[in-house]
Amino acid sequence: MLAKKTSKNQITLPKAIAESFPDAQYFDVGIQDGKIVLLPVKILPVGSSLAAVREKMRKLGVSEGEVGKAIQWARGKKQ
């Protein structure tokens, strides 16, 4: 399949390709081995995944104090 780059550097995905990703509105664009790579991404509102992160930390038994210590340790390594 061919896709043409316009004068505004836009490329329209062929219908067959776009239909393979019906829920994707955004793509991460990169270059890999001289090829353009598009990876579908899901954009989430700020804070929507925070609850999931906190729940995972709770399940793992990680406390806020441990997070603070880890941040201090990481920042100390860079200085």
N, C-alpha and C. Protein backbone atom coordinates (compact mmCIF):
# COMPACT_ATOMS: atom_id res chain seq x y z
N MET A 1 0.83 -1.17 0.00
CA MET A 1 0.00 0.00 0.00
C MET A 1 0.88 1.24 0.00
N LEU A 2 0.40 2.24 -0.67
CA LEU A 2 1.13 3.51 -0.72
C LEU A 2 0.42 4.56 0.10
N ALA A 3 1.21 5.44 0.69
CA ALA A 3 0.68 6.62 1.37
C ALA A 3 1.55 7.78 0.94
N LYS A 4 0.91 8.88 0.59
CA LYS A 4 1.64 10.04 0.09
C LYS A 4 1.79 11.08 1.19
N LYS A 5 2.99 11.64 1.31
CA LYS A 5 3.24 12.73 2.24
C LYS A 5 2.83 14.03 1.56
N THR A 6 2.01 14.84 2.24
CA THR A 6 1.55 16.09 1.65
C THR A 6 2.58 17.19 1.87
N SER A 7 2.30 18.36 1.30
CA SER A 7 3.21 19.50 1.47
C SER A 7 3.26 19.97 2.92
N LYS A 8 2.27 19.57 3.72
CA LYS A 8 2.25 19.91 5.15
C LYS A 8 2.77 18.76 6.00
N ASN A 9 3.51 17.83 5.38
CA ASN A 9 4.11 16.67 6.06
C ASN A 9 3.07 15.77 6.72
N GLN A 10 1.90 15.64 6.13
CA GLN A 10 0.86 14.77 6.66
C GLN A 10 0.75 13.53 5.78
N ILE A 11 0.46 12.41 6.44
CA ILE A 11 0.27 11.15 5.73
C ILE A 11 -1.08 10.59 6.17
N THR A 12 -1.89 10.21 5.20
CA THR A 12 -3.16 9.57 5.49
C THR A 12 -2.94 8.07 5.44
N LEU A 13 -3.34 7.41 6.54
CA LEU A 13 -3.20 5.95 6.56
C LEU A 13 -4.22 5.31 5.62
N PRO A 14 -3.82 4.31 4.88
CA PRO A 14 -4.79 3.60 4.04
C PRO A 14 -5.92 3.03 4.91
N LYS A 15 -7.11 2.99 4.35
CA LYS A 15 -8.30 2.56 5.08
C LYS A 15 -8.11 1.19 5.74
N ALA A 16 -7.52 0.25 5.02
CA ALA A 16 -7.33 -1.10 5.55
C ALA A 16 -6.44 -1.09 6.80
N ILE A 17 -5.45 -0.20 6.82
CA ILE A 17 -4.56 -0.09 7.98
C ILE A 17 -5.32 0.57 9.13
N ALA A 18 -6.00 1.68 8.87
CA ALA A 18 -6.72 2.40 9.91
C ALA A 18 -7.80 1.53 10.54
N GLU A 19 -8.45 0.70 9.74
CA GLU A 19 -9.50 -0.18 10.27
C GLU A 19 -8.94 -1.26 11.19
N SER A 20 -7.65 -1.53 11.09
CA SER A 20 -7.02 -2.52 11.97
C SER A 20 -6.84 -1.99 13.38
N PHE A 21 -6.99 -0.67 13.57
CA PHE A 21 -6.83 -0.02 14.87
C PHE A 21 -8.04 0.88 15.13
N PRO A 22 -9.23 0.29 15.27
CA PRO A 22 -10.45 1.10 15.36
C PRO A 22 -10.51 2.02 16.58
N ASP A 23 -9.85 1.65 17.67
CA ASP A 23 -9.91 2.46 18.89
C ASP A 23 -8.76 3.44 19.02
N ALA A 24 -7.79 3.39 18.12
CA ALA A 24 -6.60 4.25 18.22
C ALA A 24 -6.86 5.60 17.56
N GLN A 25 -6.65 6.66 18.34
CA GLN A 25 -6.73 8.01 17.81
C GLN A 25 -5.35 8.65 17.76
N TYR A 26 -4.44 8.12 18.56
CA TYR A 26 -3.08 8.66 18.63
C TYR A 26 -2.07 7.54 18.41
N PHE A 27 -0.95 7.92 17.80
CA PHE A 27 0.13 6.97 17.56
C PHE A 27 1.45 7.60 17.98
N ASP A 28 2.29 6.79 18.61
CA ASP A 28 3.66 7.21 18.91
C ASP A 28 4.45 6.95 17.63
N VAL A 29 5.16 7.96 17.15
CA VAL A 29 5.89 7.85 15.88
C VAL A 29 7.38 7.81 16.16
N GLY A 30 8.04 6.86 15.54
CA GLY A 30 9.49 6.75 15.72
C GLY A 30 10.16 6.18 14.49
N ILE A 31 11.46 6.11 14.56
CA ILE A 31 12.25 5.53 13.47
C ILE A 31 12.99 4.34 14.02
N GLN A 32 12.93 3.22 13.32
CA GLN A 32 13.59 2.00 13.74
C GLN A 32 14.18 1.32 12.50
N ASP A 33 15.48 1.20 12.48
CA ASP A 33 16.18 0.58 11.35
C ASP A 33 15.80 1.24 10.02
N GLY A 34 15.72 2.58 10.03
CA GLY A 34 15.42 3.32 8.81
C GLY A 34 13.97 3.25 8.37
N LYS A 35 13.08 2.77 9.25
CA LYS A 35 11.66 2.67 8.92
C LYS A 35 10.85 3.51 9.89
N ILE A 36 9.75 4.06 9.41
CA ILE A 36 8.83 4.79 10.27
C ILE A 36 7.96 3.77 10.98
N VAL A 37 7.89 3.89 12.31
CA VAL A 37 7.11 2.96 13.12
C VAL A 37 6.02 3.73 13.84
N LEU A 38 4.79 3.28 13.70
CA LEU A 38 3.65 3.87 14.40
C LEU A 38 3.14 2.87 15.43
N LEU A 39 3.08 3.30 16.68
CA LEU A 39 2.56 2.45 17.74
C LEU A 39 1.32 3.11 18.32
N PRO A 40 0.17 2.42 18.31
CA PRO A 40 -1.03 3.03 18.87
C PRO A 40 -0.85 3.25 20.37
N VAL A 41 -1.29 4.40 20.85
CA VAL A 41 -1.22 4.71 22.28
C VAL A 41 -2.59 5.14 22.77
N LYS A 42 -2.79 4.96 24.05
CA LYS A 42 -4.05 5.37 24.68
C LYS A 42 -3.73 6.53 25.59
N ILE A 43 -4.36 7.66 25.35
CA ILE A 43 -4.16 8.85 26.16
C ILE A 43 -5.17 8.82 27.29
N LEU A 44 -4.68 8.93 28.52
CA LEU A 44 -5.56 8.91 29.69
C LEU A 44 -5.54 10.28 30.35
N PRO A 45 -6.66 10.70 30.90
CA PRO A 45 -6.69 11.97 31.63
C PRO A 45 -5.73 11.93 32.82
N VAL A 46 -5.17 13.08 33.16
CA VAL A 46 -4.26 13.16 34.29
C VAL A 46 -4.97 12.67 35.54
N GLY A 47 -4.30 11.80 36.27
CA GLY A 47 -4.86 11.30 37.51
C GLY A 47 -5.68 10.04 37.37
N SER A 48 -6.09 9.69 36.15
CA SER A 48 -6.94 8.52 35.99
C SER A 48 -6.19 7.23 36.30
N SER A 49 -4.89 7.21 36.06
CA SER A 49 -4.12 6.00 36.36
C SER A 49 -3.49 6.06 37.74
N LEU A 50 -3.59 7.19 38.41
CA LEU A 50 -3.00 7.34 39.74
C LEU A 50 -3.64 6.37 40.72
N ALA A 51 -4.93 6.20 40.63
CA ALA A 51 -5.62 5.27 41.52
C ALA A 51 -5.11 3.84 41.31
N ALA A 52 -4.86 3.48 40.05
CA ALA A 52 -4.35 2.14 39.75
C ALA A 52 -2.95 1.95 40.32
N VAL A 53 -2.13 2.99 40.23
CA VAL A 53 -0.77 2.91 40.77
C VAL A 53 -0.82 2.76 42.29
N ARG A 54 -1.67 3.54 42.92
CA ARG A 54 -1.78 3.45 44.37
C ARG A 54 -2.29 2.07 44.81
N GLU A 55 -3.23 1.53 44.06
CA GLU A 55 -3.76 0.20 44.37
C GLU A 55 -2.66 -0.86 44.23
N LYS A 56 -1.87 -0.75 43.18
CA LYS A 56 -0.77 -1.71 42.99
C LYS A 56 0.24 -1.60 44.12
N MET A 57 0.56 -0.37 44.52
CA MET A 57 1.50 -0.18 45.63
C MET A 57 0.93 -0.79 46.91
N ARG A 58 -0.37 -0.60 47.14
CA ARG A 58 -1.01 -1.16 48.33
C ARG A 58 -0.90 -2.69 48.32
N LYS A 59 -1.16 -3.29 47.16
CA LYS A 59 -1.07 -4.75 47.04
C LYS A 59 0.34 -5.27 47.27
N LEU A 60 1.32 -4.46 46.85
CA LEU A 60 2.72 -4.85 47.03
C LEU A 60 3.24 -4.54 48.43
N GLY A 61 2.46 -3.81 49.19
CA GLY A 61 2.87 -3.46 50.54
C GLY A 61 3.88 -2.32 50.59
N VAL A 62 3.90 -1.47 49.57
CA VAL A 62 4.83 -0.34 49.52
C VAL A 62 4.18 0.86 50.22
N SER A 63 4.89 1.43 51.19
CA SER A 63 4.34 2.57 51.92
C SER A 63 4.82 3.88 51.31
N GLU A 64 4.14 4.97 51.70
CA GLU A 64 4.54 6.29 51.21
C GLU A 64 5.96 6.62 51.66
N GLY A 65 6.30 6.21 52.87
CA GLY A 65 7.65 6.47 53.38
C GLY A 65 8.71 5.79 52.54
N GLU A 66 8.42 4.59 52.09
CA GLU A 66 9.38 3.87 51.24
C GLU A 66 9.55 4.56 49.89
N VAL A 67 8.48 5.11 49.38
CA VAL A 67 8.55 5.84 48.12
C VAL A 67 9.43 7.07 48.30
N GLY A 68 9.22 7.80 49.39
CA GLY A 68 10.03 8.97 49.67
C GLY A 68 11.51 8.63 49.78
N LYS A 69 11.82 7.53 50.47
CA LYS A 69 13.22 7.10 50.60
C LYS A 69 13.81 6.73 49.24
N ALA A 70 13.01 6.08 48.40
CA ALA A 70 13.48 5.70 47.07
C ALA A 70 13.77 6.93 46.22
N ILE A 71 12.93 7.94 46.36
CA ILE A 71 13.14 9.19 45.60
C ILE A 71 14.42 9.87 46.07
N GLN A 72 14.61 9.94 47.38
CA GLN A 72 15.83 10.54 47.92
C GLN A 72 17.06 9.78 47.45
N TRP A 73 16.99 8.45 47.46
CA TRP A 73 18.12 7.63 47.02
C TRP A 73 18.43 7.91 45.55
N ALA A 74 17.37 7.94 44.71
CA ALA A 74 17.57 8.17 43.27
C ALA A 74 18.14 9.55 43.01
N ARG A 75 17.64 10.54 43.69
CA ARG A 75 18.16 11.91 43.51
C ARG A 75 19.59 12.03 44.00
N GLY A 76 19.92 11.32 45.06
CA GLY A 76 21.27 11.36 45.59
C GLY A 76 22.28 10.76 44.63
N LYS A 77 21.87 9.78 43.86
CA LYS A 77 22.76 9.12 42.90
C LYS A 77 23.14 10.06 41.76
N LYS A 78 22.23 10.98 41.42
CA LYS A 78 22.48 11.88 40.28
C LYS A 78 23.36 13.05 40.65
N GLN A 79 23.42 13.37 41.90
CA GLN A 79 24.17 14.55 42.33
C GLN A 79 25.64 14.28 42.42
